[in-house]
Every structure is written in structure tokens, then in C-alpha cells.
Amino acid sequence: AGVWMHFKSLRVMKAGYGEQIREMLAEAENERMHLMFFIEIAKPNYFERFIVLFAQVIFGLFYLFMYIFFTRTAHRMIGYFEDEAVKSYTEYLELVESGKVEDIQAPKLAINYYKLGTDAKLSDLIRCVRADEEHHSETNHNYADNL
């Protein structure tokens, strides 16, 4: 979305999209960091990494089409995905808090990114990621409402 907004700004020769571009690119960077945190925890094998890459390519092409032709719907869809992510992280947190999943040490990357204490646990990381997802949901639903 951020890259498309950038190109749109260039096409219409209007600088007024700067804040929106920065917001969308920051959201993309944040989502990338979430993936990096959980890759460090899960340590996926090459096949699992390939599946992630394949899914990114397919989703990227689909989302580009959606964003070009149905921008409002694309933002709404992402808002709904983020709503589901919040639910999923809440369920994950419940598993950790109940002891069904071990509350391991948070990865150093996450500790540095969120400026957590050196003793931060998985549960702390999940709370931070869930808060990010709530913000992403609000942002995308707001874009969908105001386009």
C-alpha cells in the first residue's frame, strides 16, 4: 500500500500523501519484524521457509490487484486480517499463561525492538505484537472508512 501510494503521489504530482506513505511503510516494517521474532522462536526448516516465501508471492500479487482496483476493500480486508490476528495472539497468550505452551525467553531481537527488559518472556512479546496488530486494524479500518 505504501509503495502504491508513493507511485500515485508521483503520477498525480502531489506531495500530500507523505504521512500515509510513511504510515503504511512503517506498518510493513513492523509486520516484517513480527515474522523475524517468530522465525527466531520457531526455527523453521527450509520447506517451511519456502512455504512462507510462496505465500508472500501469491498474497503480494493478489493484494496488488486488490489495492489497484479496490483500494477501500483492500484496506478493509487487511483490517479484518488484523482483527483475526488479535484474536489469534489472544488465544496464544492464553496458552502461554495457562502453561500449555512454555513461556520461554523472548528473542533478543524482540527485546531490543520493543525496548523490553532483559528478562522479557514470550508472553511479553505476544502482548506487544497483539498491541501492534490492534493498531494496524484500526489504521486499515480508518483508511477504508475515509477513502
C-alpha atoms as a PDB file:
ATOM      1  CA  ALA A   1       0.000   0.000   0.000  1.00  0.00           C
ATOM      2  CA  GLY A   2       2.808   2.405   0.880  1.00  0.00           C
ATOM      3  CA  VAL A   3       4.640   1.798  -2.379  1.00  0.00           C
ATOM      4  CA  TRP A   4       1.430   2.189  -4.385  1.00  0.00           C
ATOM      5  CA  MET A   5       0.690   5.470  -2.566  1.00  0.00           C
ATOM      6  CA  HIS A   6       4.221   6.605  -3.408  1.00  0.00           C
ATOM      7  CA  PHE A   7       3.687   5.876  -7.105  1.00  0.00           C
ATOM      8  CA  LYS A   8       0.284   7.570  -7.014  1.00  0.00           C
ATOM      9  CA  SER A   9       1.891  10.656  -5.494  1.00  0.00           C
ATOM     10  CA  LEU A  10       4.394  10.723  -8.356  1.00  0.00           C
ATOM     11  CA  ARG A  11       1.701  10.154 -11.026  1.00  0.00           C
ATOM     12  CA  VAL A  12      -0.549  12.962  -9.814  1.00  0.00           C
ATOM     13  CA  MET A  13       2.467  15.093  -8.828  1.00  0.00           C
ATOM     14  CA  LYS A  14       1.031  15.754  -5.418  1.00  0.00           C
ATOM     15  CA  ALA A  15       3.079  15.641  -2.216  1.00  0.00           C
ATOM     16  CA  GLY A  16       0.086  15.260   0.105  1.00  0.00           C
ATOM     17  CA  TYR A  17       0.466  11.514   0.616  1.00  0.00           C
ATOM     18  CA  GLY A  18       3.668  11.645   2.692  1.00  0.00           C
ATOM     19  CA  GLU A  19       2.157  10.799   6.068  1.00  0.00           C
ATOM     20  CA  GLN A  20       0.081   7.958   4.623  1.00  0.00           C
ATOM     21  CA  ILE A  21       3.114   6.538   2.803  1.00  0.00           C
ATOM     22  CA  ARG A  22       5.221   6.624   5.967  1.00  0.00           C
ATOM     23  CA  GLU A  23       2.412   5.015   7.976  1.00  0.00           C
ATOM     24  CA  MET A  24       1.946   2.144   5.514  1.00  0.00           C
ATOM     25  CA  LEU A  25       5.700   1.522   5.174  1.00  0.00           C
ATOM     26  CA  ALA A  26       6.096   1.580   8.975  1.00  0.00           C
ATOM     27  CA  GLU A  27       3.288  -0.979   9.243  1.00  0.00           C
ATOM     28  CA  ALA A  28       5.026  -3.201   6.683  1.00  0.00           C
ATOM     29  CA  GLU A  29       8.315  -2.933   8.592  1.00  0.00           C
ATOM     30  CA  ASN A  30       6.535  -3.770  11.836  1.00  0.00           C
ATOM     31  CA  GLU A  31       4.935  -6.861  10.291  1.00  0.00           C
ATOM     32  CA  ARG A  32       8.349  -7.917   8.967  1.00  0.00           C
ATOM     33  CA  MET A  33       9.748  -7.679  12.471  1.00  0.00           C
ATOM     34  CA  HIS A  34       6.914  -9.843  13.824  1.00  0.00           C
ATOM     35  CA  LEU A  35       7.888 -12.510  11.307  1.00  0.00           C
ATOM     36  CA  MET A  36      11.549 -12.223  12.331  1.00  0.00           C
ATOM     37  CA  PHE A  37      10.664 -12.655  16.029  1.00  0.00           C
ATOM     38  CA  PHE A  38       8.672 -15.805  15.461  1.00  0.00           C
ATOM     39  CA  ILE A  39      11.183 -17.222  12.970  1.00  0.00           C
ATOM     40  CA  GLU A  40      13.762 -16.958  15.733  1.00  0.00           C
ATOM     41  CA  ILE A  41      11.435 -18.823  18.100  1.00  0.00           C
ATOM     42  CA  ALA A  42      10.123 -21.486  15.699  1.00  0.00           C
ATOM     43  CA  LYS A  43      13.342 -22.013  13.719  1.00  0.00           C
ATOM     44  CA  PRO A  44      11.540 -23.155  10.542  1.00  0.00           C
ATOM     45  CA  ASN A  45      13.208 -25.629   8.192  1.00  0.00           C
ATOM     46  CA  TYR A  46      13.836 -24.901   4.508  1.00  0.00           C
ATOM     47  CA  PHE A  47      10.496 -26.309   3.397  1.00  0.00           C
ATOM     48  CA  GLU A  48       8.599 -24.139   5.881  1.00  0.00           C
ATOM     49  CA  ARG A  49      10.606 -21.098   4.742  1.00  0.00           C
ATOM     50  CA  PHE A  50       9.697 -21.916   1.148  1.00  0.00           C
ATOM     51  CA  ILE A  51       6.013 -22.064   2.108  1.00  0.00           C
ATOM     52  CA  VAL A  52       6.311 -18.592   3.680  1.00  0.00           C
ATOM     53  CA  LEU A  53       8.013 -17.251   0.542  1.00  0.00           C
ATOM     54  CA  PHE A  54       5.423 -18.863  -1.721  1.00  0.00           C
ATOM     55  CA  ALA A  55       2.548 -17.458   0.356  1.00  0.00           C
ATOM     56  CA  GLN A  56       4.129 -13.992   0.247  1.00  0.00           C
ATOM     57  CA  VAL A  57       4.371 -14.066  -3.550  1.00  0.00           C
ATOM     58  CA  ILE A  58       0.788 -15.245  -4.013  1.00  0.00           C
ATOM     59  CA  PHE A  59      -0.624 -12.841  -1.446  1.00  0.00           C
ATOM     60  CA  GLY A  60       1.510  -9.962  -2.746  1.00  0.00           C
ATOM     61  CA  LEU A  61       0.157 -10.346  -6.276  1.00  0.00           C
ATOM     62  CA  PHE A  62      -3.409 -10.736  -5.026  1.00  0.00           C
ATOM     63  CA  TYR A  63      -3.102  -7.686  -2.746  1.00  0.00           C
ATOM     64  CA  LEU A  64      -1.556  -5.561  -5.503  1.00  0.00           C
ATOM     65  CA  PHE A  65      -4.552  -6.342  -7.721  1.00  0.00           C
ATOM     66  CA  MET A  66      -6.961  -5.596  -4.869  1.00  0.00           C
ATOM     67  CA  TYR A  67      -5.210  -2.354  -3.972  1.00  0.00           C
ATOM     68  CA  ILE A  68      -5.100  -1.056  -7.537  1.00  0.00           C
ATOM     69  CA  PHE A  69      -8.732  -1.773  -8.337  1.00  0.00           C
ATOM     70  CA  PHE A  70     -10.463  -1.949  -4.943  1.00  0.00           C
ATOM     71  CA  THR A  71      -8.431   0.165  -2.538  1.00  0.00           C
ATOM     72  CA  ARG A  72     -11.125   0.524   0.100  1.00  0.00           C
ATOM     73  CA  THR A  73     -11.820  -3.204   0.059  1.00  0.00           C
ATOM     74  CA  ALA A  74      -8.095  -3.955   0.300  1.00  0.00           C
ATOM     75  CA  HIS A  75      -7.777  -1.833   3.452  1.00  0.00           C
ATOM     76  CA  ARG A  76     -10.938  -3.349   4.922  1.00  0.00           C
ATOM     77  CA  MET A  77      -9.651  -6.853   4.202  1.00  0.00           C
ATOM     78  CA  ILE A  78      -6.367  -6.109   5.957  1.00  0.00           C
ATOM     79  CA  GLY A  79      -8.314  -4.615   8.860  1.00  0.00           C
ATOM     80  CA  TYR A  80     -10.228  -7.890   9.176  1.00  0.00           C
ATOM     81  CA  PHE A  81      -6.996  -9.918   8.908  1.00  0.00           C
ATOM     82  CA  GLU A  82      -5.568  -7.819  11.722  1.00  0.00           C
ATOM     83  CA  ASP A  83      -8.730  -8.371  13.801  1.00  0.00           C
ATOM     84  CA  GLU A  84      -8.188 -12.116  13.395  1.00  0.00           C
ATOM     85  CA  ALA A  85      -4.512 -11.731  14.310  1.00  0.00           C
ATOM     86  CA  VAL A  86      -5.548 -10.026  17.556  1.00  0.00           C
ATOM     87  CA  LYS A  87      -7.835 -12.982  18.341  1.00  0.00           C
ATOM     88  CA  SER A  88      -5.076 -15.471  17.478  1.00  0.00           C
ATOM     89  CA  TYR A  89      -2.493 -13.720  19.644  1.00  0.00           C
ATOM     90  CA  THR A  90      -5.002 -13.580  22.482  1.00  0.00           C
ATOM     91  CA  GLU A  91      -5.503 -17.348  22.202  1.00  0.00           C
ATOM     92  CA  TYR A  92      -1.720 -17.870  22.008  1.00  0.00           C
ATOM     93  CA  LEU A  93      -1.247 -15.731  25.115  1.00  0.00           C
ATOM     94  CA  GLU A  94      -3.886 -17.784  26.957  1.00  0.00           C
ATOM     95  CA  LEU A  95      -1.981 -20.972  26.060  1.00  0.00           C
ATOM     96  CA  VAL A  96       1.241 -19.494  27.402  1.00  0.00           C
ATOM     97  CA  GLU A  97      -0.384 -18.150  30.565  1.00  0.00           C
ATOM     98  CA  SER A  98      -2.099 -21.498  31.243  1.00  0.00           C
ATOM     99  CA  GLY A  99       1.218 -23.316  30.947  1.00  0.00           C
ATOM    100  CA  LYS A 100       0.227 -25.325  27.858  1.00  0.00           C
ATOM    101  CA  VAL A 101       2.996 -23.510  25.948  1.00  0.00           C
ATOM    102  CA  GLU A 102       6.254 -22.740  27.717  1.00  0.00           C
ATOM    103  CA  ASP A 103       6.820 -19.043  28.474  1.00  0.00           C
ATOM    104  CA  ILE A 104      10.346 -19.005  27.071  1.00  0.00           C
ATOM    105  CA  GLN A 105      12.766 -16.092  26.985  1.00  0.00           C
ATOM    106  CA  ALA A 106      11.798 -13.512  24.350  1.00  0.00           C
ATOM    107  CA  PRO A 107      14.271 -13.275  21.454  1.00  0.00           C
ATOM    108  CA  LYS A 108      16.920 -10.552  21.818  1.00  0.00           C
ATOM    109  CA  LEU A 109      15.690  -9.014  18.568  1.00  0.00           C
ATOM    110  CA  ALA A 110      12.240  -8.504  20.118  1.00  0.00           C
ATOM    111  CA  ILE A 111      13.687  -7.249  23.394  1.00  0.00           C
ATOM    112  CA  ASN A 112      15.669  -4.614  21.508  1.00  0.00           C
ATOM    113  CA  TYR A 113      12.819  -3.717  19.137  1.00  0.00           C
ATOM    114  CA  TYR A 114      10.258  -3.194  21.904  1.00  0.00           C
ATOM    115  CA  LYS A 115      12.795  -1.990  24.493  1.00  0.00           C
ATOM    116  CA  LEU A 116      11.730  -4.733  26.897  1.00  0.00           C
ATOM    117  CA  GLY A 117      13.638  -5.785  29.977  1.00  0.00           C
ATOM    118  CA  THR A 118      16.351  -8.398  29.531  1.00  0.00           C
ATOM    119  CA  ASP A 119      14.150 -10.871  31.407  1.00  0.00           C
ATOM    120  CA  ALA A 120      11.209 -10.466  28.985  1.00  0.00           C
ATOM    121  CA  LYS A 121       9.300 -13.620  28.153  1.00  0.00           C
ATOM    122  CA  LEU A 122       7.252 -14.899  25.239  1.00  0.00           C
ATOM    123  CA  SER A 123       4.099 -13.639  26.953  1.00  0.00           C
ATOM    124  CA  ASP A 124       5.538 -10.090  26.976  1.00  0.00           C
ATOM    125  CA  LEU A 125       6.354 -10.365  23.274  1.00  0.00           C
ATOM    126  CA  ILE A 126       2.867 -11.639  22.441  1.00  0.00           C
ATOM    127  CA  ARG A 127       1.299  -8.668  24.266  1.00  0.00           C
ATOM    128  CA  CYS A 128       3.456  -6.239  22.276  1.00  0.00           C
ATOM    129  CA  VAL A 129       2.716  -7.898  18.949  1.00  0.00           C
ATOM    130  CA  ARG A 130      -1.004  -8.063  19.743  1.00  0.00           C
ATOM    131  CA  ALA A 131      -0.997  -4.310  20.510  1.00  0.00           C
ATOM    132  CA  ASP A 132       0.681  -3.672  17.148  1.00  0.00           C
ATOM    133  CA  GLU A 133      -1.967  -5.742  15.404  1.00  0.00           C
ATOM    134  CA  GLU A 134      -4.743  -3.798  17.151  1.00  0.00           C
ATOM    135  CA  HIS A 135      -3.176  -0.570  15.867  1.00  0.00           C
ATOM    136  CA  HIS A 136      -2.858  -1.983  12.336  1.00  0.00           C
ATOM    137  CA  SER A 137      -6.514  -2.999  12.441  1.00  0.00           C
ATOM    138  CA  GLU A 138      -7.614   0.491  13.460  1.00  0.00           C
ATOM    139  CA  THR A 139      -5.387   2.095  10.824  1.00  0.00           C
ATOM    140  CA  ASN A 140      -6.705  -0.028   7.973  1.00  0.00           C
ATOM    141  CA  HIS A 141     -10.341   0.241   9.013  1.00  0.00           C
ATOM    142  CA  ASN A 142      -9.878   4.040   9.224  1.00  0.00           C
ATOM    143  CA  TYR A 143      -8.410   4.126   5.711  1.00  0.00           C
ATOM    144  CA  ALA A 144     -11.320   2.023   4.440  1.00  0.00           C
ATOM    145  CA  ASP A 145     -13.817   4.335   6.141  1.00  0.00           C
ATOM    146  CA  ASN A 146     -12.257   7.519   4.779  1.00  0.00           C
ATOM    147  CA  LEU A 147     -11.453   6.660   1.154  1.00  0.00           C
END
